[in-house]
């Protein structure tokens, strides 16, 4: 609580800025349920802290957003109390306002609208989109012809042989994994079923989170349905591929994965020792029945927030359905190798690493979005982006909004800061000293700044 009675909440530090933004947005939506009439803003920034309270730029930006609300009431001390009954919630309280940085980080994961003042936070997408918009248009995919051709060839090999194929796509945050997935989906066979799931930074590691999400997506569940509606949808989805009386018990076992309890007596589900095997067999049986009707593509994104049990299920699927038209694409940041090891190596999974965009491809994106821009500005944007498509888009957006002399956007600074934060402390200390010299520095100068000696191993 601040001196004027307003309140500040901040998410834990650490992780990529996108992950922090998702946590912050969910926090804001939870506060909206508790405080339906309170003006709320969610902002992203590099703040200084006085004890637990952030001060400076980030607070000023939030205050400016809230000050733009005509007649916005101040959140007073003591406002936090028991959650009001749902019937007491007024229809449509004040919108949760976002600054440009937060709106950009949440793009595709939440519905974001705009009024004449700022961006507004809408509901979370149950199936996040994998495309970003840039200046009101879908961001173009450039410089990925070779990678796209490889993915497309592996997919059609799985469909036409048929044979199970898996690809593990890795790249640091912002290099365009999700964009590449979108382009591949456009090229997939229209008759193929596509089951998607995305790792959740809040639920990272929760057992069966990914495979449960696959079941819900395949059943057409969007979230918010009643229990009866979820049961009906899952039973319909199973009945399409499993005829007769076998559909309902199979749906009940899949419901254990998808958090759709059927309350059907099942000795194997009730037995803690046999429960895991029963759920795995149900998933493999359902997938096998679906593969009997046509190709199935399973697409996992943000795998760094995934869970080992789900990946074990998919390993079993690739083994059991090795001669079926099954294609599995798993995309994530490089840390998935530390968390899960070499995924599906025994299933001959194809590793693929995205590299940075070449300068020519980066220039193409800039010129397609900033029409009439001069060569010098294009070169400066491309150099600062350093081959990172996310940085490139954010720099284009900053130039469009603030002019050619725009400073580095908060989103870019946050992602660079997150990368530096993962380095060992001695390495960060060396980099901090080297930055005093600029792009070029020498060992002797760094050692002199650090007080002599060798600060870290070469």
Protein backbone atom coordinates (compact mmCIF):
# COMPACT_ATOMS: atom_id res chain seq x y z
CA UNK A 1 0.00 0.00 0.00
CA UNK A 2 1.28 3.45 -0.93
CA UNK A 3 0.90 6.66 1.03
CA UNK A 4 -2.18 7.78 -0.91
CA UNK A 5 -3.99 4.50 -0.28
CA UNK A 6 -3.38 3.02 -3.72
CA UNK A 7 -1.78 -0.39 -4.09
CA UNK A 8 1.12 -1.82 -6.07
CA UNK A 9 1.62 -5.51 -6.83
CA UNK A 10 4.67 -6.84 -8.62
CA UNK A 11 5.49 -10.30 -9.93
CA UNK A 12 8.57 -12.18 -8.85
CA UNK A 13 11.71 -11.34 -10.76
CA UNK A 14 13.33 -13.89 -13.02
CA UNK A 15 12.37 -15.55 -16.27
CA UNK A 16 11.71 -14.03 -19.65
CA UNK A 17 9.71 -10.78 -19.81
CA UNK A 18 6.86 -12.59 -21.63
CA UNK A 19 6.51 -15.02 -18.72
CA UNK A 20 6.51 -12.16 -16.19
CA UNK A 21 3.89 -10.30 -18.24
CA UNK A 22 1.57 -13.34 -18.24
CA UNK A 23 1.85 -13.60 -14.44
CA UNK A 24 1.21 -9.87 -14.07
CA UNK A 25 -1.88 -9.99 -16.32
CA UNK A 26 -3.33 -12.90 -14.38
CA UNK A 27 -2.67 -11.04 -11.13
CA UNK A 28 -4.52 -7.99 -12.49
CA UNK A 29 -7.49 -10.12 -13.53
CA UNK A 30 -7.62 -11.75 -10.09
CA UNK A 31 -7.61 -8.30 -8.48
CA UNK A 32 -10.42 -7.24 -10.82
CA UNK A 33 -12.61 -10.02 -9.41
CA UNK A 34 -11.86 -8.87 -5.85
CA UNK A 35 -12.16 -5.15 -6.61
CA UNK A 36 -14.66 -4.75 -9.43
CA UNK A 37 -14.82 -0.93 -9.26
CA UNK A 38 -11.11 -0.19 -8.75
CA UNK A 39 -9.09 1.37 -11.58
CA UNK A 40 -6.26 -1.04 -12.49
CA UNK A 41 -3.23 -0.79 -14.74
CA UNK A 42 -0.59 -3.37 -15.66
CA UNK A 43 2.75 -2.02 -16.86
CA UNK A 44 6.18 -3.42 -17.71
CA UNK A 45 9.36 -1.58 -16.94
CA UNK A 46 12.77 -1.57 -15.34
CA UNK A 47 12.15 -0.16 -11.89
CA UNK A 48 14.23 0.70 -8.88
CA UNK A 49 13.04 -0.52 -5.51
CA UNK A 50 12.73 1.17 -2.14
CA UNK A 51 12.37 -1.93 0.01
CA UNK A 52 9.64 -4.03 -1.61
CA UNK A 53 8.06 -1.06 -3.38
CA UNK A 54 9.07 -0.11 -6.96
CA UNK A 55 9.67 3.57 -7.64
CA UNK A 56 10.48 5.70 -10.63
CA UNK A 57 9.54 5.18 -14.28
CA UNK A 58 7.32 2.12 -13.91
CA UNK A 59 5.14 3.70 -11.19
CA UNK A 60 4.90 6.98 -13.09
CA UNK A 61 3.71 5.14 -16.18
CA UNK A 62 1.04 3.26 -14.24
CA UNK A 63 -0.11 6.48 -12.58
CA UNK A 64 -0.37 8.19 -15.96
CA UNK A 65 -2.54 5.37 -17.30
CA UNK A 66 -4.87 5.51 -14.32
CA UNK A 67 -4.93 9.31 -14.40
CA UNK A 68 -6.28 9.11 -17.93
CA UNK A 69 -9.47 7.55 -16.62
CA UNK A 70 -12.11 10.21 -16.16
CA UNK A 71 -13.26 10.18 -12.56
CA UNK A 72 -11.05 7.22 -11.64
CA UNK A 73 -11.48 6.43 -7.98
CA UNK A 74 -8.41 5.85 -5.83
CA UNK A 75 -8.05 2.39 -4.36
CA UNK A 76 -8.33 3.10 -0.64
CA UNK A 77 -6.79 1.29 2.28
CA UNK A 78 -8.90 -1.54 3.52
CA UNK A 79 -10.46 -2.16 0.13
CA UNK A 80 -9.15 -5.70 0.09
CA UNK A 81 -11.65 -7.93 1.82
CA UNK A 82 -13.82 -10.96 1.23
CA UNK A 83 -14.50 -11.61 -2.43
CA UNK A 84 -17.98 -10.33 -3.31
CA UNK A 85 -20.55 -12.81 -4.51
CA UNK A 86 -20.63 -13.13 -8.32
CA UNK A 87 -24.12 -11.60 -8.40
CA UNK A 88 -22.74 -8.49 -6.68
CA UNK A 89 -20.21 -7.81 -9.40
CA UNK A 90 -21.30 -4.76 -11.44
CA UNK A 91 -21.57 -5.40 -15.18
CA UNK A 92 -18.39 -4.20 -16.88
CA UNK A 93 -16.22 -2.41 -14.32
CA UNK A 94 -13.31 -0.19 -15.38
CA UNK A 95 -11.05 -1.83 -17.93
CA UNK A 96 -7.56 -2.99 -16.95
CA UNK A 97 -5.24 -0.62 -18.77
CA UNK A 98 -1.92 -1.68 -20.31
CA UNK A 99 1.09 0.31 -21.39
CA UNK A 100 2.58 -0.37 -24.83
CA UNK A 101 5.28 -2.67 -23.47
CA UNK A 102 2.80 -4.88 -21.63
CA UNK A 103 0.42 -4.96 -24.59
CA UNK A 104 3.25 -6.10 -26.87
CA UNK A 105 4.41 -8.84 -24.47
CA UNK A 106 0.86 -10.20 -24.12
CA UNK A 107 0.19 -10.18 -27.87
CA UNK A 108 -1.40 -13.49 -28.88
CA UNK A 109 -1.88 -14.78 -25.33
CA UNK A 110 -4.62 -12.37 -24.26
CA UNK A 111 -7.24 -10.43 -26.14
CA UNK A 112 -5.99 -6.83 -26.24
CA UNK A 113 -8.12 -3.96 -27.50
CA UNK A 114 -7.55 -0.22 -27.61
CA UNK A 115 -9.51 2.92 -26.93
CA UNK A 116 -8.44 6.51 -27.47
CA UNK A 117 -6.25 6.39 -24.35
CA UNK A 118 -4.44 3.06 -24.09
CA UNK A 119 -4.51 -0.69 -24.62
CA UNK A 120 -7.10 -2.67 -22.63
CA UNK A 121 -6.67 -6.19 -21.23
CA UNK A 122 -9.26 -8.73 -22.35
CA UNK A 123 -9.70 -12.40 -21.49
CA UNK A 124 -6.89 -14.91 -21.74
CA UNK A 125 -6.96 -17.02 -24.88
CA UNK A 126 -7.43 -20.69 -24.07
CA UNK A 127 -5.53 -21.55 -27.24
CA UNK A 128 -2.99 -18.73 -27.65
CA UNK A 129 -2.39 -17.56 -31.19
CA UNK A 130 1.10 -18.01 -32.57
CA UNK A 131 1.11 -14.82 -34.63
CA UNK A 132 2.01 -11.29 -33.66
CA UNK A 133 0.68 -8.12 -35.19
CA UNK A 134 2.95 -5.30 -36.26
CA UNK A 135 1.43 -1.87 -36.93
CA UNK A 136 -2.02 -3.46 -37.20
CA UNK A 137 -0.99 -6.23 -39.60
CA UNK A 138 0.17 -9.81 -39.12
CA UNK A 139 3.94 -9.74 -38.87
CA UNK A 140 5.50 -11.22 -42.04
CA UNK A 141 7.66 -14.34 -41.84
CA UNK A 142 11.02 -13.66 -43.49
CA UNK A 143 14.33 -15.46 -43.70
CA UNK A 144 13.01 -18.92 -42.75
CA UNK A 145 12.65 -20.58 -46.16
CA UNK A 146 15.14 -23.38 -45.43
CA UNK A 147 13.71 -24.24 -42.00
CA UNK A 148 10.15 -24.14 -43.30
CA UNK A 149 11.03 -26.41 -46.22
CA UNK A 150 12.60 -28.94 -43.83
CA UNK A 151 9.56 -28.99 -41.54
CA UNK A 152 7.20 -29.27 -44.49
CA UNK A 153 9.18 -32.18 -45.95
CA UNK A 154 9.16 -34.08 -42.64
CA UNK A 155 5.43 -33.48 -42.21
CA UNK A 156 4.52 -34.75 -45.67
CA UNK A 157 6.86 -37.72 -45.23
CA UNK A 158 4.89 -38.67 -42.11
CA UNK A 159 1.60 -38.33 -44.00
CA UNK A 160 2.56 -40.06 -47.25
CA UNK A 161 4.72 -42.98 -46.07
CA UNK A 162 3.07 -43.19 -43.45
CA UNK A 163 5.63 -43.02 -40.62
CA UNK A 164 5.81 -41.22 -37.27
CA UNK A 165 8.11 -38.21 -37.35
CA UNK A 166 9.14 -35.81 -34.58
CA UNK A 167 10.99 -32.48 -34.64
CA UNK A 168 12.44 -30.62 -31.64
CA UNK A 169 12.80 -26.94 -32.53
CA UNK A 170 14.92 -24.79 -30.19
CA UNK A 171 15.89 -21.13 -30.16
CA UNK A 172 16.28 -18.33 -27.62
CA UNK A 173 13.27 -16.13 -26.90
CA UNK A 174 12.27 -13.87 -29.76
CA UNK A 175 13.85 -15.74 -32.68
CA UNK A 176 10.51 -16.73 -34.23
CA UNK A 177 9.66 -20.30 -33.19
CA UNK A 178 5.94 -19.57 -32.88
CA UNK A 179 5.90 -17.68 -36.19
CA UNK A 180 7.47 -20.66 -37.94
CA UNK A 181 4.80 -22.94 -36.45
CA UNK A 182 2.09 -20.69 -37.86
CA UNK A 183 3.59 -20.83 -41.34
CA UNK A 184 3.84 -24.62 -41.20
CA UNK A 185 0.21 -24.99 -40.11
CA UNK A 186 -0.89 -23.04 -43.18
CA UNK A 187 0.85 -25.64 -45.35
CA UNK A 188 -0.49 -28.73 -43.58
CA UNK A 189 -2.98 -31.09 -45.18
CA UNK A 190 -6.50 -29.75 -44.65
CA UNK A 191 -7.67 -33.22 -43.64
CA UNK A 192 -5.11 -33.52 -40.84
CA UNK A 193 -6.19 -33.13 -37.23
CA UNK A 194 -3.98 -30.64 -35.41
CA UNK A 195 -3.76 -30.96 -31.63
CA UNK A 196 -1.97 -28.07 -29.94
CA UNK A 197 -0.69 -27.30 -26.46
CA UNK A 198 1.43 -24.55 -24.99
CA UNK A 199 3.56 -24.58 -21.86
CA UNK A 200 2.34 -22.31 -19.10
CA UNK A 201 4.97 -20.37 -17.08
CA UNK A 202 2.71 -20.48 -14.00
CA UNK A 203 2.00 -24.22 -14.22
CA UNK A 204 5.47 -25.24 -15.45
CA UNK A 205 6.21 -28.87 -14.62
CA UNK A 206 2.67 -29.75 -13.50
CA UNK A 207 2.18 -33.45 -14.37
CA UNK A 208 0.15 -34.07 -17.54
CA UNK A 209 -0.44 -30.35 -18.14
CA UNK A 210 0.52 -30.57 -21.83
CA UNK A 211 -1.20 -33.85 -22.65
CA UNK A 212 -4.32 -32.73 -20.78
CA UNK A 213 -4.34 -29.58 -22.87
CA UNK A 214 -4.03 -31.68 -26.03
CA UNK A 215 -7.13 -33.65 -25.03
CA UNK A 216 -9.11 -30.48 -24.30
CA UNK A 217 -8.12 -28.85 -27.61
CA UNK A 218 -8.91 -32.00 -29.58
CA UNK A 219 -12.33 -32.11 -27.91
CA UNK A 220 -12.99 -28.47 -28.84
CA UNK A 221 -13.09 -27.18 -25.26
CA UNK A 222 -12.46 -23.44 -24.97
CA UNK A 223 -12.68 -23.06 -21.20
CA UNK A 224 -15.51 -21.78 -19.06
CA UNK A 225 -17.96 -24.56 -20.04
CA UNK A 226 -19.99 -26.33 -17.38
CA UNK A 227 -18.91 -29.79 -16.27
CA UNK A 228 -21.79 -31.41 -18.16
CA UNK A 229 -20.87 -29.51 -21.32
CA UNK A 230 -17.23 -30.61 -21.01
CA UNK A 231 -18.26 -34.22 -20.52
CA UNK A 232 -20.54 -34.10 -23.56
CA UNK A 233 -17.87 -32.51 -25.74
CA UNK A 234 -15.22 -35.04 -24.75
CA UNK A 235 -17.61 -37.96 -25.24
CA UNK A 236 -18.56 -36.67 -28.71
CA UNK A 237 -14.90 -36.32 -29.67
CA UNK A 238 -14.13 -39.89 -28.57
CA UNK A 239 -17.27 -41.32 -30.19
CA UNK A 240 -16.20 -39.92 -33.57
CA UNK A 241 -13.27 -42.36 -33.68
CA UNK A 242 -14.24 -45.09 -31.17
CA UNK A 243 -17.65 -46.60 -31.91
CA UNK A 244 -20.11 -48.32 -29.61
CA UNK A 245 -19.96 -48.90 -25.89
CA UNK A 246 -16.17 -48.50 -25.69
CA UNK A 247 -16.40 -44.70 -26.11
CA UNK A 248 -17.71 -43.78 -22.68
CA UNK A 249 -15.15 -45.63 -20.50
CA UNK A 250 -12.37 -44.35 -22.76
CA UNK A 251 -13.69 -40.79 -22.45
CA UNK A 252 -13.80 -41.18 -18.67
CA UNK A 253 -10.12 -42.15 -18.55
CA UNK A 254 -9.17 -39.30 -20.87
CA UNK A 255 -11.20 -37.02 -18.61
CA UNK A 256 -8.76 -37.78 -15.80
CA UNK A 257 -6.04 -36.23 -17.96
CA UNK A 258 -8.14 -33.26 -19.08
CA UNK A 259 -9.66 -32.45 -15.66
CA UNK A 260 -13.11 -33.52 -16.84
CA UNK A 261 -14.21 -36.07 -14.21
CA UNK A 262 -16.93 -38.50 -15.33
CA UNK A 263 -17.43 -40.29 -11.99
CA UNK A 264 -17.65 -43.61 -13.82
CA UNK A 265 -16.63 -46.61 -11.64
CA UNK A 266 -13.19 -47.73 -12.83
CA UNK A 267 -11.04 -50.03 -10.71
CA UNK A 268 -7.83 -49.12 -12.57
CA UNK A 269 -8.37 -45.38 -12.18
CA UNK A 270 -9.20 -45.77 -8.50
CA UNK A 271 -6.00 -47.76 -7.91
CA UNK A 272 -3.05 -45.31 -7.47
CA UNK A 273 -0.63 -47.94 -8.79
CA UNK A 274 -2.58 -48.68 -11.97
CA UNK A 275 -3.96 -45.18 -12.61
CA UNK A 276 -1.00 -43.87 -14.63
CA UNK A 277 -0.92 -46.90 -16.94
CA UNK A 278 -4.69 -46.67 -17.49
CA UNK A 279 -4.50 -43.01 -18.52
CA UNK A 280 -1.54 -43.62 -20.84
CA UNK A 281 -3.30 -46.55 -22.52
CA UNK A 282 -6.41 -44.40 -22.97
CA UNK A 283 -4.41 -41.63 -24.64
CA UNK A 284 -2.60 -44.06 -26.95
CA UNK A 285 -5.86 -45.84 -27.84
CA UNK A 286 -7.61 -42.58 -28.69
CA UNK A 287 -4.66 -41.31 -30.70
CA UNK A 288 -4.44 -44.63 -32.54
CA UNK A 289 -8.14 -44.46 -33.42
CA UNK A 290 -7.71 -40.90 -34.70
CA UNK A 291 -4.70 -41.96 -36.80
CA UNK A 292 -6.85 -44.69 -38.34
CA UNK A 293 -9.02 -41.93 -39.84
CA UNK A 294 -6.23 -39.66 -41.10
CA UNK A 295 -3.02 -37.76 -40.22
CA UNK A 296 -2.60 -36.22 -36.76
CA UNK A 297 -0.16 -33.37 -36.07
CA UNK A 298 0.70 -32.64 -32.43
CA UNK A 299 2.21 -29.18 -31.95
CA UNK A 300 3.75 -28.12 -28.64
CA UNK A 301 4.98 -24.57 -28.06
CA UNK A 302 6.88 -23.05 -25.11
CA UNK A 303 8.10 -26.51 -24.20
CA UNK A 304 10.47 -25.03 -21.59
CA UNK A 305 7.35 -24.77 -19.40
CA UNK A 306 6.24 -28.33 -20.17
CA UNK A 307 6.23 -31.46 -18.03
CA UNK A 308 8.09 -34.75 -18.17
CA UNK A 309 5.04 -37.08 -17.86
CA UNK A 310 3.42 -35.55 -20.95
CA UNK A 311 6.64 -35.95 -22.93
CA UNK A 312 6.83 -39.58 -21.82
CA UNK A 313 3.30 -40.13 -23.19
CA UNK A 314 4.37 -38.69 -26.53
CA UNK A 315 7.48 -40.86 -26.55
CA UNK A 316 5.19 -43.86 -26.11
CA UNK A 317 2.94 -42.54 -28.90
CA UNK A 318 5.87 -42.28 -31.31
CA UNK A 319 6.88 -45.83 -30.43
CA UNK A 320 3.42 -47.44 -30.51
CA UNK A 321 2.32 -45.65 -33.69
CA UNK A 322 5.64 -45.72 -35.54
CA UNK A 323 3.95 -46.73 -38.81
CA UNK A 324 1.09 -44.22 -38.63
CA UNK A 325 0.76 -40.70 -40.12
CA UNK A 326 1.80 -39.00 -36.87
CA UNK A 327 3.80 -35.74 -36.84
CA UNK A 328 5.01 -34.20 -33.57
CA UNK A 329 6.59 -30.73 -33.46
CA UNK A 330 7.89 -29.48 -30.12
CA UNK A 331 9.29 -25.94 -29.87
CA UNK A 332 11.00 -24.32 -26.91
CA UNK A 333 13.96 -22.37 -25.63
CA UNK A 334 17.40 -24.03 -25.32
CA UNK A 335 16.84 -24.78 -21.63
CA UNK A 336 14.60 -27.70 -22.59
CA UNK A 337 17.79 -29.69 -23.13
CA UNK A 338 18.78 -29.07 -19.52
CA UNK A 339 15.30 -29.93 -18.20
CA UNK A 340 14.40 -32.93 -20.35
CA UNK A 341 17.64 -34.11 -21.96
CA UNK A 342 17.70 -35.23 -25.59
CA UNK A 343 14.00 -35.59 -26.38
CA UNK A 344 12.78 -38.71 -28.18
CA UNK A 345 16.29 -39.66 -29.32
CA UNK A 346 15.28 -43.32 -29.67
CA UNK A 347 12.42 -42.22 -31.96
CA UNK A 348 14.92 -40.48 -34.28
CA UNK A 349 13.51 -37.03 -33.50
CA UNK A 350 14.99 -34.37 -35.78
CA UNK A 351 16.71 -31.54 -33.84
CA UNK A 352 16.44 -28.07 -35.39
CA UNK A 353 17.94 -24.85 -34.10
CA UNK A 354 16.80 -21.46 -35.33
CA UNK A 355 19.60 -19.01 -36.00
CA UNK A 356 19.44 -15.23 -36.12
CA UNK A 357 17.97 -13.54 -39.17
CA UNK A 358 20.42 -12.50 -41.84
CA UNK A 359 20.65 -8.78 -42.52
CA UNK A 360 18.91 -9.02 -45.89
CA UNK A 361 15.85 -10.75 -44.38
CA UNK A 362 15.75 -8.23 -41.53
CA UNK A 363 15.86 -5.34 -44.02
CA UNK A 364 12.98 -6.92 -45.92
CA UNK A 365 10.79 -6.97 -42.80
CA UNK A 366 11.60 -3.33 -41.95
CA UNK A 367 10.85 -2.09 -45.47
CA UNK A 368 7.58 -4.03 -45.68
CA UNK A 369 6.30 -2.36 -42.50
CA UNK A 370 7.90 1.11 -42.60
CA UNK A 371 7.23 2.31 -46.11
CA UNK A 372 9.48 5.01 -47.51
CA UNK A 373 12.06 4.77 -44.72
CA UNK A 374 15.60 5.84 -45.65
CA UNK A 375 18.51 3.41 -45.95
CA UNK A 376 20.42 4.80 -42.97
CA UNK A 377 17.50 4.25 -40.58
CA UNK A 378 16.91 0.73 -41.93
CA UNK A 379 20.57 -0.11 -41.36
CA UNK A 380 20.45 1.25 -37.80
CA UNK A 381 17.32 -0.74 -36.92
CA UNK A 382 18.79 -3.93 -38.39
CA UNK A 383 22.07 -3.46 -36.52
CA UNK A 384 20.37 -2.87 -33.17
CA UNK A 385 18.07 -5.87 -33.62
CA UNK A 386 21.10 -8.16 -34.16
CA UNK A 387 19.05 -10.75 -36.07
CA UNK A 388 16.35 -11.18 -33.41
CA UNK A 389 12.87 -10.92 -35.06
CA UNK A 390 11.18 -9.86 -31.80
CA UNK A 391 13.70 -7.06 -31.29
CA UNK A 392 13.27 -6.07 -34.92
CA UNK A 393 9.49 -5.78 -34.59
CA UNK A 394 9.74 -3.82 -31.34
CA UNK A 395 12.26 -1.40 -32.84
CA UNK A 396 10.01 -0.89 -35.89
CA UNK A 397 7.08 -0.22 -33.58
CA UNK A 398 9.14 2.26 -31.55
CA UNK A 399 10.26 4.15 -34.66
CA UNK A 400 6.68 4.27 -35.96
CA UNK A 401 5.41 5.61 -32.62
CA UNK A 402 8.21 7.90 -31.47
CA UNK A 403 10.18 8.73 -34.60
CA UNK A 404 13.61 7.78 -35.94
CA UNK A 405 15.41 8.82 -32.73
CA UNK A 406 13.39 6.45 -30.52
CA UNK A 407 15.32 4.81 -27.68
CA UNK A 408 15.46 1.07 -27.13
CA UNK A 409 11.98 -0.22 -26.18
CA UNK A 410 11.39 -1.55 -22.68
CA UNK A 411 10.53 -4.97 -24.13
CA UNK A 412 13.94 -5.27 -25.80
CA UNK A 413 15.80 -4.07 -22.70
CA UNK A 414 13.88 -6.58 -20.59
CA UNK A 415 14.76 -9.53 -22.81
CA UNK A 416 18.43 -8.56 -22.92
CA UNK A 417 18.40 -8.15 -19.14
CA UNK A 418 16.87 -11.63 -18.75
CA UNK A 419 19.62 -13.13 -20.93
CA UNK A 420 22.32 -11.42 -18.88
CA UNK A 421 20.63 -12.54 -15.67
CA UNK A 422 21.15 -16.20 -16.61
CA UNK A 423 24.94 -15.76 -16.76
CA UNK A 424 27.23 -16.50 -13.84
CA UNK A 425 28.02 -13.53 -11.59
CA UNK A 426 31.73 -13.26 -12.59
CA UNK A 427 30.77 -13.21 -16.27
CA UNK A 428 28.21 -10.45 -15.69
CA UNK A 429 30.86 -8.46 -13.82
CA UNK A 430 33.27 -8.73 -16.76
CA UNK A 431 30.56 -7.67 -19.22
CA UNK A 432 29.66 -4.68 -17.06
CA UNK A 433 33.27 -3.53 -17.07
CA UNK A 434 33.63 -4.19 -20.81
CA UNK A 435 30.55 -2.08 -21.53
CA UNK A 436 32.43 0.99 -20.29
CA UNK A 437 34.68 0.69 -23.37
CA UNK A 438 31.89 -0.06 -25.85
CA UNK A 439 31.76 -2.68 -28.60
CA UNK A 440 35.55 -3.17 -28.58
CA UNK A 441 37.53 -3.68 -25.40
CA UNK A 442 40.73 -5.39 -24.27
CA UNK A 443 41.55 -7.72 -21.43
CA UNK A 444 43.99 -5.38 -19.72
CA UNK A 445 41.45 -2.57 -19.56
CA UNK A 446 38.76 -4.80 -18.06
CA UNK A 447 41.18 -6.16 -15.46
CA UNK A 448 42.23 -2.61 -14.54
CA UNK A 449 38.61 -1.57 -13.99
CA UNK A 450 38.01 -4.65 -11.85
CA UNK A 451 41.05 -4.01 -9.71
CA UNK A 452 43.56 -6.30 -11.39
CA UNK A 453 43.83 -10.06 -11.57
CA UNK A 454 41.84 -12.43 -13.73
CA UNK A 455 38.13 -11.99 -12.92
CA UNK A 456 37.08 -15.21 -14.64
CA UNK A 457 38.49 -18.05 -16.68
CA UNK A 458 39.05 -17.13 -20.37
